[in-house]
């Protein structure tokens, strides 16, 4: 009985070609330059920046609770709980961003949580729910704006990766 040799992967060009770059998935191991790898890299970068800034904000809310609650008017238990929520969210964001190609359902969940958080910050800032100072209103509205920007960038990154064939459906 004769055995056929296993199929071999094509060898990379001896001189690097600007048109082809290695990609983490796929039968050939090579893809047109820029498309899936760049789309996934953009999405991972946005998730990482979101995660780091969320962690910094959460840590600041907890570490500087007395001066921040004095400046903003937020009740201390609320500020600490908000800081803990942000630290947990940051851990999730950084975990999702560590994957070579972030899973679309997880990215969609991040976009949804960011959108809800933006609306919640705006409602808290403008709804009279908390005894906020003028600085507290600006602080929460600025937070709503930043979280909205992250949601838009993450959604755009997911759409871009979908268009590049990198992460599947974005709807």
C-alpha atoms as a PDB file:
ATOM      1  CA  UNK A   1       0.000   0.000   0.000  1.00  0.00           C
ATOM      2  CA  UNK A   2       1.437   3.342  -1.071  1.00  0.00           C
ATOM      3  CA  UNK A   3       0.930   6.437   1.024  1.00  0.00           C
ATOM      4  CA  UNK A   4       0.716   9.833  -0.577  1.00  0.00           C
ATOM      5  CA  UNK A   5       2.747  12.510   1.158  1.00  0.00           C
ATOM      6  CA  UNK A   6       0.680  15.005   3.152  1.00  0.00           C
ATOM      7  CA  UNK A   7      -0.117  18.278   1.394  1.00  0.00           C
ATOM      8  CA  UNK A   8       2.503  20.930   2.057  1.00  0.00           C
ATOM      9  CA  UNK A   9       1.874  24.551   2.869  1.00  0.00           C
ATOM     10  CA  UNK A  10       3.409  26.933   0.365  1.00  0.00           C
ATOM     11  CA  UNK A  11       6.677  28.402   1.490  1.00  0.00           C
ATOM     12  CA  UNK A  12       6.786  32.138   2.032  1.00  0.00           C
ATOM     13  CA  UNK A  13       8.545  34.072  -0.713  1.00  0.00           C
ATOM     14  CA  UNK A  14      12.295  34.270  -0.240  1.00  0.00           C
ATOM     15  CA  UNK A  15      12.156  38.026  -0.412  1.00  0.00           C
ATOM     16  CA  UNK A  16       9.299  39.615   1.507  1.00  0.00           C
ATOM     17  CA  UNK A  17       6.587  40.803  -0.816  1.00  0.00           C
ATOM     18  CA  UNK A  18       4.696  44.013   0.027  1.00  0.00           C
ATOM     19  CA  UNK A  19       1.524  42.406  -1.323  1.00  0.00           C
ATOM     20  CA  UNK A  20       1.398  39.413   1.022  1.00  0.00           C
ATOM     21  CA  UNK A  21       1.636  39.193   4.790  1.00  0.00           C
ATOM     22  CA  UNK A  22       1.200  36.169   7.048  1.00  0.00           C
ATOM     23  CA  UNK A  23      -2.235  35.915   8.581  1.00  0.00           C
ATOM     24  CA  UNK A  24      -3.163  33.935  11.684  1.00  0.00           C
ATOM     25  CA  UNK A  25      -5.875  31.814  10.019  1.00  0.00           C
ATOM     26  CA  UNK A  26      -6.586  30.249   6.675  1.00  0.00           C
ATOM     27  CA  UNK A  27      -5.443  27.329   4.619  1.00  0.00           C
ATOM     28  CA  UNK A  28      -2.586  29.075   2.869  1.00  0.00           C
ATOM     29  CA  UNK A  29      -1.326  31.140   5.761  1.00  0.00           C
ATOM     30  CA  UNK A  30      -1.097  34.184   3.472  1.00  0.00           C
ATOM     31  CA  UNK A  31      -3.584  36.888   2.612  1.00  0.00           C
ATOM     32  CA  UNK A  32      -3.550  40.154   0.706  1.00  0.00           C
ATOM     33  CA  UNK A  33      -1.690  42.751   2.740  1.00  0.00           C
ATOM     34  CA  UNK A  34      -3.582  44.807   5.204  1.00  0.00           C
ATOM     35  CA  UNK A  35      -7.122  43.488   5.156  1.00  0.00           C
ATOM     36  CA  UNK A  36      -7.887  40.960   7.954  1.00  0.00           C
ATOM     37  CA  UNK A  37      -4.753  41.595   9.982  1.00  0.00           C
ATOM     38  CA  UNK A  38      -5.187  45.387   9.956  1.00  0.00           C
ATOM     39  CA  UNK A  39      -8.915  45.183  10.712  1.00  0.00           C
ATOM     40  CA  UNK A  40      -8.382  42.870  13.689  1.00  0.00           C
ATOM     41  CA  UNK A  41      -5.454  45.000  14.893  1.00  0.00           C
ATOM     42  CA  UNK A  42      -7.605  48.164  14.806  1.00  0.00           C
ATOM     43  CA  UNK A  43     -10.380  46.464  16.773  1.00  0.00           C
ATOM     44  CA  UNK A  44      -7.948  45.040  19.361  1.00  0.00           C
ATOM     45  CA  UNK A  45      -6.318  48.465  19.760  1.00  0.00           C
ATOM     46  CA  UNK A  46      -9.647  50.206  20.374  1.00  0.00           C
ATOM     47  CA  UNK A  47     -10.637  47.513  22.889  1.00  0.00           C
ATOM     48  CA  UNK A  48      -7.285  47.863  24.680  1.00  0.00           C
ATOM     49  CA  UNK A  49      -7.477  51.656  24.851  1.00  0.00           C
ATOM     50  CA  UNK A  50     -11.063  51.399  26.109  1.00  0.00           C
ATOM     51  CA  UNK A  51      -9.961  48.825  28.698  1.00  0.00           C
ATOM     52  CA  UNK A  52      -7.000  50.847  29.957  1.00  0.00           C
ATOM     53  CA  UNK A  53      -8.923  54.127  30.164  1.00  0.00           C
ATOM     54  CA  UNK A  54     -11.801  52.359  31.920  1.00  0.00           C
ATOM     55  CA  UNK A  55      -9.372  50.820  34.426  1.00  0.00           C
ATOM     56  CA  UNK A  56      -7.712  54.186  35.092  1.00  0.00           C
ATOM     57  CA  UNK A  57     -11.087  55.879  35.637  1.00  0.00           C
ATOM     58  CA  UNK A  58     -12.321  53.090  37.908  1.00  0.00           C
ATOM     59  CA  UNK A  59      -9.123  53.096  39.951  1.00  0.00           C
ATOM     60  CA  UNK A  60      -9.256  56.894  40.265  1.00  0.00           C
ATOM     61  CA  UNK A  61     -12.864  56.782  41.467  1.00  0.00           C
ATOM     62  CA  UNK A  62     -11.907  54.335  44.195  1.00  0.00           C
ATOM     63  CA  UNK A  63      -8.507  55.747  45.157  1.00  0.00           C
ATOM     64  CA  UNK A  64      -9.597  59.392  45.186  1.00  0.00           C
ATOM     65  CA  UNK A  65     -13.150  58.861  46.371  1.00  0.00           C
ATOM     66  CA  UNK A  66     -13.135  61.681  48.931  1.00  0.00           C
ATOM     67  CA  UNK A  67     -11.902  64.532  46.708  1.00  0.00           C
ATOM     68  CA  UNK A  68     -13.869  63.279  43.674  1.00  0.00           C
ATOM     69  CA  UNK A  69     -17.142  62.968  45.560  1.00  0.00           C
ATOM     70  CA  UNK A  70     -16.596  66.448  47.003  1.00  0.00           C
ATOM     71  CA  UNK A  71     -15.988  67.869  43.511  1.00  0.00           C
ATOM     72  CA  UNK A  72     -18.746  65.957  41.722  1.00  0.00           C
ATOM     73  CA  UNK A  73     -21.422  65.621  44.387  1.00  0.00           C
ATOM     74  CA  UNK A  74     -21.654  61.869  43.804  1.00  0.00           C
ATOM     75  CA  UNK A  75     -22.446  59.887  46.936  1.00  0.00           C
ATOM     76  CA  UNK A  76     -19.393  57.906  48.079  1.00  0.00           C
ATOM     77  CA  UNK A  77     -21.037  54.454  47.893  1.00  0.00           C
ATOM     78  CA  UNK A  78     -22.137  55.233  44.330  1.00  0.00           C
ATOM     79  CA  UNK A  79     -18.645  56.385  43.308  1.00  0.00           C
ATOM     80  CA  UNK A  80     -17.002  53.266  44.791  1.00  0.00           C
ATOM     81  CA  UNK A  81     -19.576  50.946  43.174  1.00  0.00           C
ATOM     82  CA  UNK A  82     -19.124  52.777  39.865  1.00  0.00           C
ATOM     83  CA  UNK A  83     -15.339  52.383  40.161  1.00  0.00           C
ATOM     84  CA  UNK A  84     -15.643  48.650  40.881  1.00  0.00           C
ATOM     85  CA  UNK A  85     -18.012  48.260  37.910  1.00  0.00           C
ATOM     86  CA  UNK A  86     -15.453  49.999  35.700  1.00  0.00           C
ATOM     87  CA  UNK A  87     -12.568  47.831  36.924  1.00  0.00           C
ATOM     88  CA  UNK A  88     -14.577  44.676  36.171  1.00  0.00           C
ATOM     89  CA  UNK A  89     -15.496  46.047  32.745  1.00  0.00           C
ATOM     90  CA  UNK A  90     -11.863  46.907  32.061  1.00  0.00           C
ATOM     91  CA  UNK A  91     -10.810  43.338  32.868  1.00  0.00           C
ATOM     92  CA  UNK A  92     -13.403  42.049  30.393  1.00  0.00           C
ATOM     93  CA  UNK A  93     -12.315  44.470  27.680  1.00  0.00           C
ATOM     94  CA  UNK A  94      -8.653  43.548  28.062  1.00  0.00           C
ATOM     95  CA  UNK A  95      -9.519  39.837  28.015  1.00  0.00           C
ATOM     96  CA  UNK A  96     -11.495  40.232  24.776  1.00  0.00           C
ATOM     97  CA  UNK A  97      -8.704  42.342  23.219  1.00  0.00           C
ATOM     98  CA  UNK A  98      -6.064  39.664  23.873  1.00  0.00           C
ATOM     99  CA  UNK A  99      -7.550  37.358  21.233  1.00  0.00           C
ATOM    100  CA  UNK A 100      -5.924  37.585  17.770  1.00  0.00           C
ATOM    101  CA  UNK A 101      -9.389  38.063  16.267  1.00  0.00           C
ATOM    102  CA  UNK A 102     -11.952  39.266  18.849  1.00  0.00           C
ATOM    103  CA  UNK A 103     -15.168  37.226  18.715  1.00  0.00           C
ATOM    104  CA  UNK A 104     -18.037  39.223  17.179  1.00  0.00           C
ATOM    105  CA  UNK A 105     -20.630  38.335  19.865  1.00  0.00           C
ATOM    106  CA  UNK A 106     -18.276  39.634  22.555  1.00  0.00           C
ATOM    107  CA  UNK A 107     -17.569  42.831  20.629  1.00  0.00           C
ATOM    108  CA  UNK A 108     -21.305  43.356  20.062  1.00  0.00           C
ATOM    109  CA  UNK A 109     -21.817  42.932  23.829  1.00  0.00           C
ATOM    110  CA  UNK A 110     -19.109  45.552  24.484  1.00  0.00           C
ATOM    111  CA  UNK A 111     -20.794  47.963  22.068  1.00  0.00           C
ATOM    112  CA  UNK A 112     -24.168  47.380  23.768  1.00  0.00           C
ATOM    113  CA  UNK A 113     -22.767  47.866  27.291  1.00  0.00           C
ATOM    114  CA  UNK A 114     -20.962  51.029  26.186  1.00  0.00           C
ATOM    115  CA  UNK A 115     -24.138  52.392  24.575  1.00  0.00           C
ATOM    116  CA  UNK A 116     -26.211  51.659  27.693  1.00  0.00           C
ATOM    117  CA  UNK A 117     -23.487  53.173  29.894  1.00  0.00           C
ATOM    118  CA  UNK A 118     -23.433  56.342  27.807  1.00  0.00           C
ATOM    119  CA  UNK A 119     -27.194  56.736  28.110  1.00  0.00           C
ATOM    120  CA  UNK A 120     -27.063  55.981  31.853  1.00  0.00           C
ATOM    121  CA  UNK A 121     -24.343  58.594  32.415  1.00  0.00           C
ATOM    122  CA  UNK A 122     -26.356  61.190  30.505  1.00  0.00           C
ATOM    123  CA  UNK A 123     -29.536  60.359  32.447  1.00  0.00           C
ATOM    124  CA  UNK A 124     -27.662  60.532  35.763  1.00  0.00           C
ATOM    125  CA  UNK A 125     -26.078  63.835  34.753  1.00  0.00           C
ATOM    126  CA  UNK A 126     -29.260  65.517  33.554  1.00  0.00           C
ATOM    127  CA  UNK A 127     -32.032  63.671  35.391  1.00  0.00           C
ATOM    128  CA  UNK A 128     -31.565  65.050  38.889  1.00  0.00           C
ATOM    129  CA  UNK A 129     -31.145  61.512  40.249  1.00  0.00           C
ATOM    130  CA  UNK A 130     -27.895  62.368  42.037  1.00  0.00           C
ATOM    131  CA  UNK A 131     -27.051  65.565  43.936  1.00  0.00           C
ATOM    132  CA  UNK A 132     -24.363  66.532  41.425  1.00  0.00           C
ATOM    133  CA  UNK A 133     -22.403  69.744  41.340  1.00  0.00           C
ATOM    134  CA  UNK A 134     -21.865  71.546  38.040  1.00  0.00           C
ATOM    135  CA  UNK A 135     -18.529  69.746  37.771  1.00  0.00           C
ATOM    136  CA  UNK A 136     -20.309  66.431  38.453  1.00  0.00           C
ATOM    137  CA  UNK A 137     -22.725  67.055  35.569  1.00  0.00           C
ATOM    138  CA  UNK A 138     -19.837  67.880  33.224  1.00  0.00           C
ATOM    139  CA  UNK A 139     -17.872  64.856  34.516  1.00  0.00           C
ATOM    140  CA  UNK A 140     -20.726  62.437  33.724  1.00  0.00           C
ATOM    141  CA  UNK A 141     -21.559  64.057  30.377  1.00  0.00           C
ATOM    142  CA  UNK A 142     -17.907  63.877  29.371  1.00  0.00           C
ATOM    143  CA  UNK A 143     -17.917  60.199  30.406  1.00  0.00           C
ATOM    144  CA  UNK A 144     -21.029  59.629  28.271  1.00  0.00           C
ATOM    145  CA  UNK A 145     -19.299  61.236  25.293  1.00  0.00           C
ATOM    146  CA  UNK A 146     -16.131  59.155  25.688  1.00  0.00           C
ATOM    147  CA  UNK A 147     -18.051  55.902  26.098  1.00  0.00           C
ATOM    148  CA  UNK A 148     -20.126  56.768  23.009  1.00  0.00           C
ATOM    149  CA  UNK A 149     -16.950  57.310  20.990  1.00  0.00           C
ATOM    150  CA  UNK A 150     -15.618  53.911  22.101  1.00  0.00           C
ATOM    151  CA  UNK A 151     -18.909  52.248  21.144  1.00  0.00           C
ATOM    152  CA  UNK A 152     -18.793  53.808  17.670  1.00  0.00           C
ATOM    153  CA  UNK A 153     -15.129  52.897  17.144  1.00  0.00           C
ATOM    154  CA  UNK A 154     -15.675  49.318  18.330  1.00  0.00           C
ATOM    155  CA  UNK A 155     -18.702  48.936  16.062  1.00  0.00           C
ATOM    156  CA  UNK A 156     -16.720  50.378  13.151  1.00  0.00           C
ATOM    157  CA  UNK A 157     -13.857  47.985  13.943  1.00  0.00           C
ATOM    158  CA  UNK A 158     -16.253  45.050  13.946  1.00  0.00           C
ATOM    159  CA  UNK A 159     -17.769  46.150  10.624  1.00  0.00           C
ATOM    160  CA  UNK A 160     -14.307  46.681   9.160  1.00  0.00           C
ATOM    161  CA  UNK A 161     -13.186  43.233  10.278  1.00  0.00           C
ATOM    162  CA  UNK A 162     -16.356  41.736   8.820  1.00  0.00           C
ATOM    163  CA  UNK A 163     -15.696  43.457   5.497  1.00  0.00           C
ATOM    164  CA  UNK A 164     -12.151  42.101   5.537  1.00  0.00           C
ATOM    165  CA  UNK A 165     -13.393  38.593   6.222  1.00  0.00           C
ATOM    166  CA  UNK A 166     -11.808  38.559   9.658  1.00  0.00           C
ATOM    167  CA  UNK A 167     -14.555  38.075  12.261  1.00  0.00           C
ATOM    168  CA  UNK A 168     -17.810  37.006  10.683  1.00  0.00           C
ATOM    169  CA  UNK A 169     -21.157  38.755  10.897  1.00  0.00           C
ATOM    170  CA  UNK A 170     -21.388  42.218  12.441  1.00  0.00           C
ATOM    171  CA  UNK A 171     -25.188  42.491  12.520  1.00  0.00           C
END
